[in-house]
Amino acid sequence: MPFRKTVYRFVVVTLYLNAGLIPWYLTMKMLGLKNSFWLYILPTVIVGFFVILMKTFIEQIPAALEEAAVVEGAGYLTVFARIIFPVSLPIVATITVFNAVNQWNAWMDNLFLVNDPNLQTLQLTLLNFLKQSEALAQETTRRMMGNQTSGHLISPQNVKMAITMIVTAPILLIYPFMQRYFVKGIMLGAVKG
């Protein structure tokens, strides 16, 4: 493919040069991603780190596999669909897990670019709840001091921890099913032989 190295270098440079928060916000706004579901998808389509992982992994696939398929009469698309992609499933799963966890934990893009409560992610909702719980803690302390009894009031700290565990649970439940691909993809994609 012509310009392959140029495109690769351009993507890798994005790892080292960060435009900053204000240009990022203006770019997302100009692209029409403000208050849009696409805000969660489009910015993560090409990530320099994932490109490096995928390139390194695919370079490690033995050339004999591709050559054997070409000798049998397979075209480039067939070689990719029937050989390269199935062999690359571990790195695809690894990138999927990395991207899913990154998006799951992201709250800053929501904070700046989403005003619609229906589009807010769970992490931003958790952040807002944790901020509001400080006022709840002060009110609970005031009530407990007024009654001079511990009563049946629930500590705001306990509520914070419970909500945080509930928000973390989906990732903890999905990870064991993806672990075999994840570990294999990391080991094969990170070390060049």
N, C-alpha and C. Protein backbone atom coordinates (compact mmCIF):
# COMPACT_ATOMS: atom_id res chain seq x y z
N MET A 1 0.85 -1.17 0.00
CA MET A 1 0.00 0.00 0.00
C MET A 1 0.90 1.24 0.00
N PRO A 2 0.67 2.16 -0.93
CA PRO A 2 1.49 3.36 -0.96
C PRO A 2 1.22 4.25 0.25
N PHE A 3 2.21 4.96 0.69
CA PHE A 3 2.13 5.88 1.82
C PHE A 3 1.84 5.18 3.15
N ARG A 4 2.03 3.88 3.22
CA ARG A 4 1.75 3.14 4.45
C ARG A 4 2.61 3.64 5.60
N LYS A 5 3.90 3.82 5.36
CA LYS A 5 4.78 4.28 6.43
C LYS A 5 4.46 5.71 6.84
N THR A 6 4.08 6.54 5.89
CA THR A 6 3.74 7.93 6.20
C THR A 6 2.51 8.00 7.09
N VAL A 7 1.49 7.23 6.75
CA VAL A 7 0.26 7.20 7.55
C VAL A 7 0.56 6.65 8.94
N TYR A 8 1.37 5.60 9.02
CA TYR A 8 1.73 5.02 10.31
C TYR A 8 2.47 6.04 11.17
N ARG A 9 3.42 6.75 10.59
CA ARG A 9 4.17 7.76 11.35
C ARG A 9 3.26 8.89 11.82
N PHE A 10 2.31 9.28 10.98
CA PHE A 10 1.37 10.33 11.36
C PHE A 10 0.55 9.89 12.58
N VAL A 11 0.09 8.64 12.59
CA VAL A 11 -0.70 8.13 13.72
C VAL A 11 0.17 8.04 14.97
N VAL A 12 1.41 7.61 14.84
CA VAL A 12 2.31 7.48 15.99
C VAL A 12 2.63 8.85 16.58
N VAL A 13 2.77 9.87 15.74
CA VAL A 13 3.07 11.22 16.23
C VAL A 13 1.97 11.71 17.17
N THR A 14 0.73 11.28 16.95
CA THR A 14 -0.36 11.71 17.82
C THR A 14 -0.17 11.24 19.26
N LEU A 15 0.65 10.22 19.47
CA LEU A 15 0.94 9.77 20.83
C LEU A 15 1.79 10.79 21.58
N TYR A 16 2.63 11.51 20.86
CA TYR A 16 3.57 12.42 21.48
C TYR A 16 3.09 13.86 21.52
N LEU A 17 2.26 14.24 20.59
CA LEU A 17 1.79 15.62 20.51
C LEU A 17 0.31 15.67 20.88
N ASN A 18 0.02 16.37 21.95
CA ASN A 18 -1.36 16.53 22.39
C ASN A 18 -1.72 18.00 22.24
N ALA A 19 -2.84 18.27 21.60
CA ALA A 19 -3.23 19.65 21.32
C ALA A 19 -3.71 20.37 22.57
N GLY A 20 -4.21 19.66 23.54
CA GLY A 20 -4.72 20.29 24.75
C GLY A 20 -6.23 20.26 24.80
N LEU A 21 -6.75 20.68 25.92
CA LEU A 21 -8.18 20.57 26.18
C LEU A 21 -9.03 21.50 25.32
N ILE A 22 -8.63 22.75 25.18
CA ILE A 22 -9.45 23.71 24.43
C ILE A 22 -9.52 23.35 22.95
N PRO A 23 -8.40 23.07 22.27
CA PRO A 23 -8.52 22.64 20.87
C PRO A 23 -9.32 21.35 20.71
N TRP A 24 -9.18 20.42 21.67
CA TRP A 24 -9.96 19.19 21.63
C TRP A 24 -11.45 19.50 21.70
N TYR A 25 -11.83 20.37 22.62
CA TYR A 25 -13.24 20.75 22.77
C TYR A 25 -13.76 21.41 21.49
N LEU A 26 -12.98 22.34 20.94
CA LEU A 26 -13.41 23.04 19.72
C LEU A 26 -13.53 22.08 18.54
N THR A 27 -12.61 21.13 18.44
CA THR A 27 -12.67 20.14 17.36
C THR A 27 -13.92 19.28 17.49
N MET A 28 -14.19 18.79 18.69
CA MET A 28 -15.38 17.96 18.90
C MET A 28 -16.65 18.75 18.59
N LYS A 29 -16.66 20.01 18.97
CA LYS A 29 -17.83 20.85 18.71
C LYS A 29 -18.00 21.10 17.21
N MET A 30 -16.89 21.37 16.50
CA MET A 30 -16.96 21.61 15.05
C MET A 30 -17.39 20.35 14.30
N LEU A 31 -17.02 19.19 14.81
CA LEU A 31 -17.42 17.93 14.17
C LEU A 31 -18.87 17.57 14.46
N GLY A 32 -19.52 18.36 15.29
CA GLY A 32 -20.93 18.09 15.60
C GLY A 32 -21.12 16.97 16.60
N LEU A 33 -20.12 16.72 17.42
CA LEU A 33 -20.20 15.62 18.38
C LEU A 33 -20.75 16.06 19.74
N LYS A 34 -20.98 17.36 19.91
CA LYS A 34 -21.53 17.83 21.18
C LYS A 34 -22.98 17.35 21.29
N ASN A 35 -23.32 16.77 22.44
CA ASN A 35 -24.66 16.20 22.68
C ASN A 35 -25.04 15.17 21.63
N SER A 36 -24.08 14.33 21.26
CA SER A 36 -24.31 13.28 20.27
C SER A 36 -23.74 11.97 20.80
N PHE A 37 -24.41 10.87 20.48
CA PHE A 37 -23.92 9.56 20.89
C PHE A 37 -22.60 9.22 20.21
N TRP A 38 -22.36 9.80 19.02
CA TRP A 38 -21.13 9.54 18.28
C TRP A 38 -19.89 10.02 19.02
N LEU A 39 -20.07 10.86 20.02
CA LEU A 39 -18.96 11.32 20.85
C LEU A 39 -18.24 10.15 21.50
N TYR A 40 -18.95 9.08 21.76
CA TYR A 40 -18.36 7.92 22.42
C TYR A 40 -17.67 6.97 21.45
N ILE A 41 -17.93 7.12 20.16
CA ILE A 41 -17.41 6.16 19.18
C ILE A 41 -16.31 6.76 18.30
N LEU A 42 -16.59 7.86 17.62
CA LEU A 42 -15.66 8.39 16.62
C LEU A 42 -14.27 8.75 17.14
N PRO A 43 -14.13 9.41 18.30
CA PRO A 43 -12.77 9.76 18.74
C PRO A 43 -11.89 8.54 19.06
N THR A 44 -12.48 7.38 19.25
CA THR A 44 -11.68 6.20 19.60
C THR A 44 -11.52 5.23 18.44
N VAL A 45 -11.89 5.63 17.23
CA VAL A 45 -11.76 4.74 16.08
C VAL A 45 -10.29 4.48 15.78
N ILE A 46 -9.49 5.53 15.77
CA ILE A 46 -8.05 5.36 15.53
C ILE A 46 -7.30 5.93 16.73
N VAL A 47 -6.65 5.03 17.45
CA VAL A 47 -5.83 5.42 18.61
C VAL A 47 -4.42 4.93 18.30
N GLY A 48 -3.45 5.82 18.42
CA GLY A 48 -2.07 5.49 18.05
C GLY A 48 -1.54 4.24 18.73
N PHE A 49 -1.81 4.09 20.01
CA PHE A 49 -1.32 2.93 20.75
C PHE A 49 -1.89 1.63 20.18
N PHE A 50 -3.17 1.65 19.81
CA PHE A 50 -3.80 0.46 19.25
C PHE A 50 -3.25 0.14 17.86
N VAL A 51 -2.92 1.17 17.09
CA VAL A 51 -2.32 0.96 15.77
C VAL A 51 -0.97 0.28 15.92
N ILE A 52 -0.18 0.72 16.89
CA ILE A 52 1.13 0.10 17.13
C ILE A 52 0.96 -1.36 17.54
N LEU A 53 0.03 -1.63 18.46
CA LEU A 53 -0.21 -3.02 18.88
C LEU A 53 -0.62 -3.90 17.70
N MET A 54 -1.57 -3.41 16.90
CA MET A 54 -2.07 -4.21 15.77
C MET A 54 -0.97 -4.43 14.73
N LYS A 55 -0.21 -3.39 14.42
CA LYS A 55 0.86 -3.52 13.42
C LYS A 55 1.91 -4.53 13.89
N THR A 56 2.30 -4.42 15.14
CA THR A 56 3.31 -5.34 15.67
C THR A 56 2.80 -6.78 15.65
N PHE A 57 1.55 -6.97 16.00
CA PHE A 57 0.98 -8.31 16.01
C PHE A 57 0.94 -8.90 14.60
N ILE A 58 0.44 -8.12 13.65
CA ILE A 58 0.30 -8.62 12.28
C ILE A 58 1.67 -8.89 11.65
N GLU A 59 2.68 -8.10 11.99
CA GLU A 59 4.03 -8.35 11.48
C GLU A 59 4.59 -9.67 11.98
N GLN A 60 4.10 -10.16 13.12
CA GLN A 60 4.60 -11.41 13.68
C GLN A 60 3.94 -12.65 13.08
N ILE A 61 2.87 -12.46 12.33
CA ILE A 61 2.21 -13.60 11.69
C ILE A 61 3.16 -14.13 10.61
N PRO A 62 3.42 -15.43 10.60
CA PRO A 62 4.37 -15.98 9.62
C PRO A 62 3.94 -15.69 8.18
N ALA A 63 4.88 -15.22 7.38
CA ALA A 63 4.60 -14.91 5.98
C ALA A 63 4.21 -16.16 5.20
N ALA A 64 4.62 -17.32 5.69
CA ALA A 64 4.30 -18.58 5.01
C ALA A 64 2.79 -18.80 4.92
N LEU A 65 2.05 -18.34 5.92
CA LEU A 65 0.59 -18.49 5.88
C LEU A 65 0.00 -17.71 4.71
N GLU A 66 0.43 -16.48 4.56
CA GLU A 66 -0.07 -15.65 3.46
C GLU A 66 0.39 -16.19 2.12
N GLU A 67 1.65 -16.59 2.03
CA GLU A 67 2.19 -17.11 0.78
C GLU A 67 1.47 -18.37 0.35
N ALA A 68 1.16 -19.25 1.28
CA ALA A 68 0.46 -20.49 0.95
C ALA A 68 -0.93 -20.18 0.40
N ALA A 69 -1.61 -19.21 0.98
CA ALA A 69 -2.94 -18.84 0.50
C ALA A 69 -2.86 -18.22 -0.89
N VAL A 70 -1.85 -17.40 -1.15
CA VAL A 70 -1.70 -16.77 -2.46
C VAL A 70 -1.40 -17.83 -3.51
N VAL A 71 -0.56 -18.82 -3.17
CA VAL A 71 -0.25 -19.90 -4.10
C VAL A 71 -1.52 -20.68 -4.45
N GLU A 72 -2.42 -20.82 -3.49
CA GLU A 72 -3.68 -21.53 -3.72
C GLU A 72 -4.68 -20.68 -4.50
N GLY A 73 -4.34 -19.42 -4.77
CA GLY A 73 -5.21 -18.58 -5.59
C GLY A 73 -6.03 -17.57 -4.82
N ALA A 74 -5.74 -17.38 -3.55
CA ALA A 74 -6.50 -16.42 -2.75
C ALA A 74 -6.04 -14.99 -3.05
N GLY A 75 -7.00 -14.07 -3.10
CA GLY A 75 -6.68 -12.66 -3.28
C GLY A 75 -6.40 -12.01 -1.93
N TYR A 76 -6.09 -10.71 -1.97
CA TYR A 76 -5.76 -10.00 -0.73
C TYR A 76 -6.92 -10.01 0.27
N LEU A 77 -8.13 -9.80 -0.22
CA LEU A 77 -9.29 -9.77 0.67
C LEU A 77 -9.54 -11.13 1.30
N THR A 78 -9.38 -12.19 0.51
CA THR A 78 -9.56 -13.55 1.04
C THR A 78 -8.48 -13.87 2.06
N VAL A 79 -7.25 -13.49 1.78
CA VAL A 79 -6.15 -13.73 2.73
C VAL A 79 -6.44 -13.02 4.04
N PHE A 80 -6.91 -11.77 3.95
CA PHE A 80 -7.21 -11.03 5.17
C PHE A 80 -8.38 -11.67 5.92
N ALA A 81 -9.46 -11.98 5.22
CA ALA A 81 -10.67 -12.48 5.88
C ALA A 81 -10.51 -13.89 6.43
N ARG A 82 -9.74 -14.73 5.74
CA ARG A 82 -9.66 -16.14 6.16
C ARG A 82 -8.39 -16.50 6.92
N ILE A 83 -7.39 -15.66 6.86
CA ILE A 83 -6.13 -16.00 7.55
C ILE A 83 -5.74 -14.91 8.55
N ILE A 84 -5.51 -13.70 8.08
CA ILE A 84 -4.99 -12.64 8.94
C ILE A 84 -5.96 -12.31 10.07
N PHE A 85 -7.22 -12.06 9.75
CA PHE A 85 -8.18 -11.66 10.79
C PHE A 85 -8.41 -12.76 11.82
N PRO A 86 -8.66 -14.03 11.43
CA PRO A 86 -8.84 -15.06 12.47
C PRO A 86 -7.62 -15.24 13.37
N VAL A 87 -6.43 -15.12 12.80
CA VAL A 87 -5.21 -15.25 13.61
C VAL A 87 -5.05 -14.04 14.52
N SER A 88 -5.61 -12.90 14.12
CA SER A 88 -5.47 -11.65 14.88
C SER A 88 -6.55 -11.46 15.94
N LEU A 89 -7.43 -12.43 16.14
CA LEU A 89 -8.50 -12.26 17.12
C LEU A 89 -8.00 -11.93 18.53
N PRO A 90 -6.88 -12.50 19.00
CA PRO A 90 -6.42 -12.11 20.34
C PRO A 90 -6.11 -10.61 20.46
N ILE A 91 -5.48 -10.02 19.46
CA ILE A 91 -5.15 -8.60 19.56
C ILE A 91 -6.40 -7.75 19.37
N VAL A 92 -7.33 -8.20 18.54
CA VAL A 92 -8.60 -7.47 18.38
C VAL A 92 -9.36 -7.48 19.70
N ALA A 93 -9.38 -8.63 20.38
CA ALA A 93 -10.05 -8.71 21.68
C ALA A 93 -9.35 -7.81 22.71
N THR A 94 -8.03 -7.79 22.67
CA THR A 94 -7.27 -6.94 23.59
C THR A 94 -7.59 -5.47 23.37
N ILE A 95 -7.59 -5.05 22.13
CA ILE A 95 -7.91 -3.66 21.80
C ILE A 95 -9.35 -3.34 22.20
N THR A 96 -10.25 -4.28 21.98
CA THR A 96 -11.65 -4.07 22.37
C THR A 96 -11.77 -3.88 23.87
N VAL A 97 -11.07 -4.70 24.64
CA VAL A 97 -11.13 -4.57 26.11
C VAL A 97 -10.52 -3.23 26.54
N PHE A 98 -9.36 -2.89 26.00
CA PHE A 98 -8.74 -1.60 26.34
C PHE A 98 -9.68 -0.44 26.04
N ASN A 99 -10.27 -0.46 24.85
CA ASN A 99 -11.15 0.63 24.45
C ASN A 99 -12.41 0.67 25.30
N ALA A 100 -12.98 -0.50 25.60
CA ALA A 100 -14.19 -0.55 26.42
C ALA A 100 -13.93 -0.02 27.83
N VAL A 101 -12.83 -0.43 28.42
CA VAL A 101 -12.50 0.05 29.77
C VAL A 101 -12.22 1.56 29.74
N ASN A 102 -11.52 2.01 28.71
CA ASN A 102 -11.24 3.44 28.58
C ASN A 102 -12.54 4.24 28.47
N GLN A 103 -13.45 3.79 27.63
CA GLN A 103 -14.72 4.50 27.48
C GLN A 103 -15.58 4.37 28.74
N TRP A 104 -15.51 3.22 29.39
CA TRP A 104 -16.29 3.02 30.61
C TRP A 104 -15.86 4.00 31.70
N ASN A 105 -14.56 4.23 31.78
CA ASN A 105 -14.03 5.11 32.82
C ASN A 105 -14.02 6.58 32.43
N ALA A 106 -14.29 6.89 31.18
CA ALA A 106 -14.22 8.28 30.71
C ALA A 106 -15.39 9.08 31.26
N TRP A 107 -15.08 10.21 31.82
CA TRP A 107 -16.13 11.11 32.28
C TRP A 107 -15.88 12.54 31.83
N MET A 108 -14.63 12.85 31.45
CA MET A 108 -14.30 14.22 31.10
C MET A 108 -14.98 14.66 29.80
N ASP A 109 -15.02 13.78 28.79
CA ASP A 109 -15.70 14.15 27.56
C ASP A 109 -17.18 14.41 27.82
N ASN A 110 -17.76 13.67 28.74
CA ASN A 110 -19.15 13.90 29.14
C ASN A 110 -19.32 15.23 29.83
N LEU A 111 -18.40 15.52 30.71
CA LEU A 111 -18.50 16.74 31.51
C LEU A 111 -18.52 17.99 30.62
N PHE A 112 -17.71 17.99 29.57
CA PHE A 112 -17.59 19.17 28.72
C PHE A 112 -18.54 19.17 27.53
N LEU A 113 -18.89 18.01 27.02
CA LEU A 113 -19.60 17.96 25.74
C LEU A 113 -21.03 17.45 25.79
N VAL A 114 -21.51 17.01 26.95
CA VAL A 114 -22.86 16.45 27.02
C VAL A 114 -23.68 17.22 28.03
N ASN A 115 -24.75 17.81 27.56
CA ASN A 115 -25.70 18.49 28.44
C ASN A 115 -26.97 17.66 28.63
N ASP A 116 -27.23 16.76 27.70
CA ASP A 116 -28.43 15.93 27.73
C ASP A 116 -28.26 14.83 28.77
N PRO A 117 -29.12 14.78 29.80
CA PRO A 117 -28.99 13.74 30.83
C PRO A 117 -29.14 12.32 30.28
N ASN A 118 -29.83 12.16 29.16
CA ASN A 118 -29.99 10.82 28.56
C ASN A 118 -28.71 10.30 27.94
N LEU A 119 -27.78 11.19 27.64
CA LEU A 119 -26.51 10.78 27.03
C LEU A 119 -25.37 10.68 28.04
N GLN A 120 -25.60 11.09 29.27
CA GLN A 120 -24.54 11.04 30.27
C GLN A 120 -24.21 9.59 30.62
N THR A 121 -22.92 9.34 30.78
CA THR A 121 -22.50 7.99 31.13
C THR A 121 -22.61 7.78 32.63
N LEU A 122 -22.49 6.54 33.00
CA LEU A 122 -22.59 6.16 34.41
C LEU A 122 -21.49 6.81 35.24
N GLN A 123 -20.31 6.98 34.65
CA GLN A 123 -19.19 7.56 35.40
C GLN A 123 -19.44 9.02 35.77
N LEU A 124 -20.04 9.78 34.86
CA LEU A 124 -20.35 11.17 35.17
C LEU A 124 -21.45 11.24 36.22
N THR A 125 -22.41 10.35 36.11
CA THR A 125 -23.47 10.28 37.12
C THR A 125 -22.86 9.95 38.48
N LEU A 126 -21.92 9.02 38.51
CA LEU A 126 -21.23 8.67 39.76
C LEU A 126 -20.46 9.88 40.30
N LEU A 127 -19.76 10.59 39.43
CA LEU A 127 -19.01 11.77 39.87
C LEU A 127 -19.95 12.80 40.49
N ASN A 128 -21.08 13.06 39.84
CA ASN A 128 -22.05 14.01 40.38
C ASN A 128 -22.61 13.53 41.71
N PHE A 129 -22.87 12.23 41.82
CA PHE A 129 -23.38 11.68 43.07
C PHE A 129 -22.36 11.83 44.20
N LEU A 130 -21.10 11.55 43.90
CA LEU A 130 -20.07 11.66 44.93
C LEU A 130 -19.90 13.10 45.39
N LYS A 131 -20.05 14.05 44.48
CA LYS A 131 -19.98 15.46 44.87
C LYS A 131 -21.15 15.83 45.78
N GLN A 132 -22.35 15.34 45.43
CA GLN A 132 -23.54 15.65 46.23
C GLN A 132 -23.52 14.95 47.58
N SER A 133 -22.80 13.85 47.67
CA SER A 133 -22.79 13.09 48.92
C SER A 133 -22.07 13.85 50.04
N GLU A 134 -21.21 14.80 49.68
CA GLU A 134 -20.55 15.60 50.71
C GLU A 134 -21.58 16.39 51.51
N ALA A 135 -22.54 16.97 50.81
CA ALA A 135 -23.61 17.70 51.50
C ALA A 135 -24.44 16.74 52.35
N LEU A 136 -24.66 15.55 51.84
CA LEU A 136 -25.40 14.53 52.59
C LEU A 136 -24.64 14.14 53.85
N ALA A 137 -23.33 14.04 53.76
CA ALA A 137 -22.51 13.68 54.92
C ALA A 137 -22.62 14.74 56.01
N GLN A 138 -22.58 15.99 55.62
CA GLN A 138 -22.70 17.07 56.61
C GLN A 138 -24.07 17.06 57.27
N GLU A 139 -25.11 16.83 56.48
CA GLU A 139 -26.47 16.78 57.03
C GLU A 139 -26.63 15.59 57.98
N THR A 140 -26.07 14.45 57.61
CA THR A 140 -26.16 13.26 58.46
C THR A 140 -25.43 13.49 59.77
N THR A 141 -24.26 14.10 59.71
CA THR A 141 -23.50 14.40 60.93
C THR A 141 -24.29 15.33 61.84
N ARG A 142 -24.91 16.32 61.25
CA ARG A 142 -25.71 17.27 62.03
C ARG A 142 -26.88 16.54 62.71
N ARG A 143 -27.55 15.65 62.00
CA ARG A 143 -28.67 14.91 62.59
C ARG A 143 -28.21 13.98 63.70
N MET A 144 -27.09 13.31 63.45
CA MET A 144 -26.59 12.37 64.46
C MET A 144 -26.19 13.11 65.73
N MET A 145 -25.58 14.27 65.59
CA MET A 145 -25.19 15.05 66.76
C MET A 145 -26.42 15.58 67.49
N GLY A 146 -27.46 15.91 66.74
CA GLY A 146 -28.68 16.41 67.35
C GLY A 146 -29.41 15.33 68.14
N ASN A 147 -29.39 14.11 67.63
CA ASN A 147 -30.08 13.00 68.30
C ASN A 147 -29.22 12.35 69.38
N GLN A 148 -27.92 12.51 69.29
CA GLN A 148 -26.97 11.87 70.21
C GLN A 148 -27.09 10.35 70.17
N THR A 149 -27.61 9.82 69.07
CA THR A 149 -27.69 8.36 68.91
C THR A 149 -27.18 8.03 67.52
N SER A 150 -26.73 6.81 67.39
CA SER A 150 -26.28 6.40 66.06
C SER A 150 -27.48 6.10 65.18
N GLY A 151 -28.59 5.66 65.78
CA GLY A 151 -29.82 5.43 65.03
C GLY A 151 -29.62 4.47 63.88
N HIS A 152 -30.44 4.64 62.88
CA HIS A 152 -30.38 3.79 61.70
C HIS A 152 -29.93 4.57 60.48
N LEU A 153 -29.22 5.64 60.70
CA LEU A 153 -28.72 6.43 59.59
C LEU A 153 -27.56 5.70 58.92
N ILE A 154 -27.55 5.72 57.61
CA ILE A 154 -26.49 5.06 56.85
C ILE A 154 -25.39 6.08 56.59
N SER A 155 -24.19 5.67 56.82
CA SER A 155 -23.04 6.55 56.61
C SER A 155 -22.91 6.88 55.12
N PRO A 156 -22.71 8.15 54.78
CA PRO A 156 -22.52 8.52 53.38
C PRO A 156 -21.29 7.84 52.76
N GLN A 157 -20.28 7.58 53.57
CA GLN A 157 -19.10 6.89 53.07
C GLN A 157 -19.46 5.48 52.59
N ASN A 158 -20.34 4.81 53.34
CA ASN A 158 -20.79 3.48 52.93
C ASN A 158 -21.56 3.54 51.62
N VAL A 159 -22.39 4.55 51.47
CA VAL A 159 -23.16 4.71 50.24
C VAL A 159 -22.21 4.96 49.06
N LYS A 160 -21.20 5.79 49.25
CA LYS A 160 -20.21 6.07 48.20
C LYS A 160 -19.53 4.78 47.74
N MET A 161 -19.09 3.99 48.70
CA MET A 161 -18.38 2.76 48.36
C MET A 161 -19.30 1.75 47.66
N ALA A 162 -20.55 1.67 48.11
CA ALA A 162 -21.50 0.74 47.49
C ALA A 162 -21.78 1.14 46.04
N ILE A 163 -22.00 2.41 45.81
CA ILE A 163 -22.26 2.89 44.44
C ILE A 163 -21.03 2.67 43.56
N THR A 164 -19.86 2.92 44.08
CA THR A 164 -18.63 2.71 43.31
C THR A 164 -18.47 1.24 42.94
N MET A 165 -18.78 0.34 43.84
CA MET A 165 -18.71 -1.10 43.54
C MET A 165 -19.73 -1.50 42.47
N ILE A 166 -20.92 -0.93 42.55
CA ILE A 166 -21.95 -1.25 41.55
C ILE A 166 -21.51 -0.78 40.17
N VAL A 167 -20.89 0.38 40.10
CA VAL A 167 -20.43 0.92 38.82
C VAL A 167 -19.26 0.10 38.27
N THR A 168 -18.44 -0.44 39.14
CA THR A 168 -17.28 -1.23 38.73
C THR A 168 -17.65 -2.66 38.34
N ALA A 169 -18.74 -3.16 38.85
CA ALA A 169 -19.13 -4.57 38.67
C ALA A 169 -19.19 -5.03 37.22
N PRO A 170 -19.79 -4.29 36.28
CA PRO A 170 -19.85 -4.82 34.91
C PRO A 170 -18.49 -5.13 34.30
N ILE A 171 -17.51 -4.27 34.51
CA ILE A 171 -16.17 -4.53 33.97
C ILE A 171 -15.57 -5.76 34.65
N LEU A 172 -15.76 -5.88 35.95
CA LEU A 172 -15.23 -7.04 36.67
C LEU A 172 -15.89 -8.33 36.23
N LEU A 173 -17.13 -8.28 35.80
CA LEU A 173 -17.84 -9.48 35.35
C LEU A 173 -17.46 -9.86 33.92
N ILE A 174 -17.15 -8.90 33.08
CA ILE A 174 -16.81 -9.18 31.68
C ILE A 174 -15.36 -9.62 31.53
N TYR A 175 -14.47 -9.09 32.32
CA TYR A 175 -13.04 -9.36 32.17
C TYR A 175 -12.68 -10.84 32.16
N PRO A 176 -13.22 -11.69 33.07
CA PRO A 176 -12.81 -13.10 33.04
C PRO A 176 -13.09 -13.81 31.72
N PHE A 177 -14.14 -13.40 31.01
CA PHE A 177 -14.46 -14.03 29.74
C PHE A 177 -13.52 -13.60 28.62
N MET A 178 -12.93 -12.43 28.77
CA MET A 178 -12.02 -11.90 27.76
C MET A 178 -10.55 -12.13 28.12
N GLN A 179 -10.29 -12.66 29.30
CA GLN A 179 -8.92 -12.73 29.81
C GLN A 179 -7.99 -13.54 28.92
N ARG A 180 -8.45 -14.67 28.40
CA ARG A 180 -7.54 -15.50 27.60
C ARG A 180 -7.08 -14.77 26.35
N TYR A 181 -7.99 -14.03 25.69
CA TYR A 181 -7.59 -13.24 24.52
C TYR A 181 -6.73 -12.06 24.94
N PHE A 182 -7.09 -11.46 26.05
CA PHE A 182 -6.41 -10.27 26.54
C PHE A 182 -4.94 -10.56 26.82
N VAL A 183 -4.67 -11.60 27.57
CA VAL A 183 -3.28 -11.94 27.93
C VAL A 183 -2.49 -12.34 26.69
N LYS A 184 -3.09 -13.16 25.83
CA LYS A 184 -2.40 -13.60 24.62
C LYS A 184 -2.11 -12.41 23.70
N GLY A 185 -3.07 -11.52 23.56
CA GLY A 185 -2.89 -10.35 22.70
C GLY A 185 -1.83 -9.42 23.21
N ILE A 186 -1.78 -9.22 24.52
CA ILE A 186 -0.76 -8.34 25.10
C ILE A 186 0.63 -8.94 24.89
N MET A 187 0.78 -10.22 25.16
CA MET A 187 2.09 -10.84 25.07
C MET A 187 2.59 -10.89 23.63
N LEU A 188 1.70 -11.22 22.69
CA LEU A 188 2.14 -11.34 21.30
C LEU A 188 2.28 -9.99 20.62
N GLY A 189 1.45 -9.01 21.02
CA GLY A 189 1.49 -7.72 20.35
C GLY A 189 2.55 -6.78 20.89
N ALA A 190 3.09 -7.08 22.04
CA ALA A 190 4.01 -6.15 22.68
C ALA A 190 5.48 -6.49 22.42
N VAL A 191 5.78 -7.73 22.10
CA VAL A 191 7.16 -8.15 21.94
C VAL A 191 7.40 -8.53 20.49
N LYS A 192 8.35 -7.88 19.88
CA LYS A 192 8.65 -8.19 18.48
C LYS A 192 9.80 -9.20 18.45
N GLY A 193 9.57 -10.30 17.72
CA GLY A 193 10.55 -11.38 17.72
C GLY A 193 11.51 -11.36 16.60
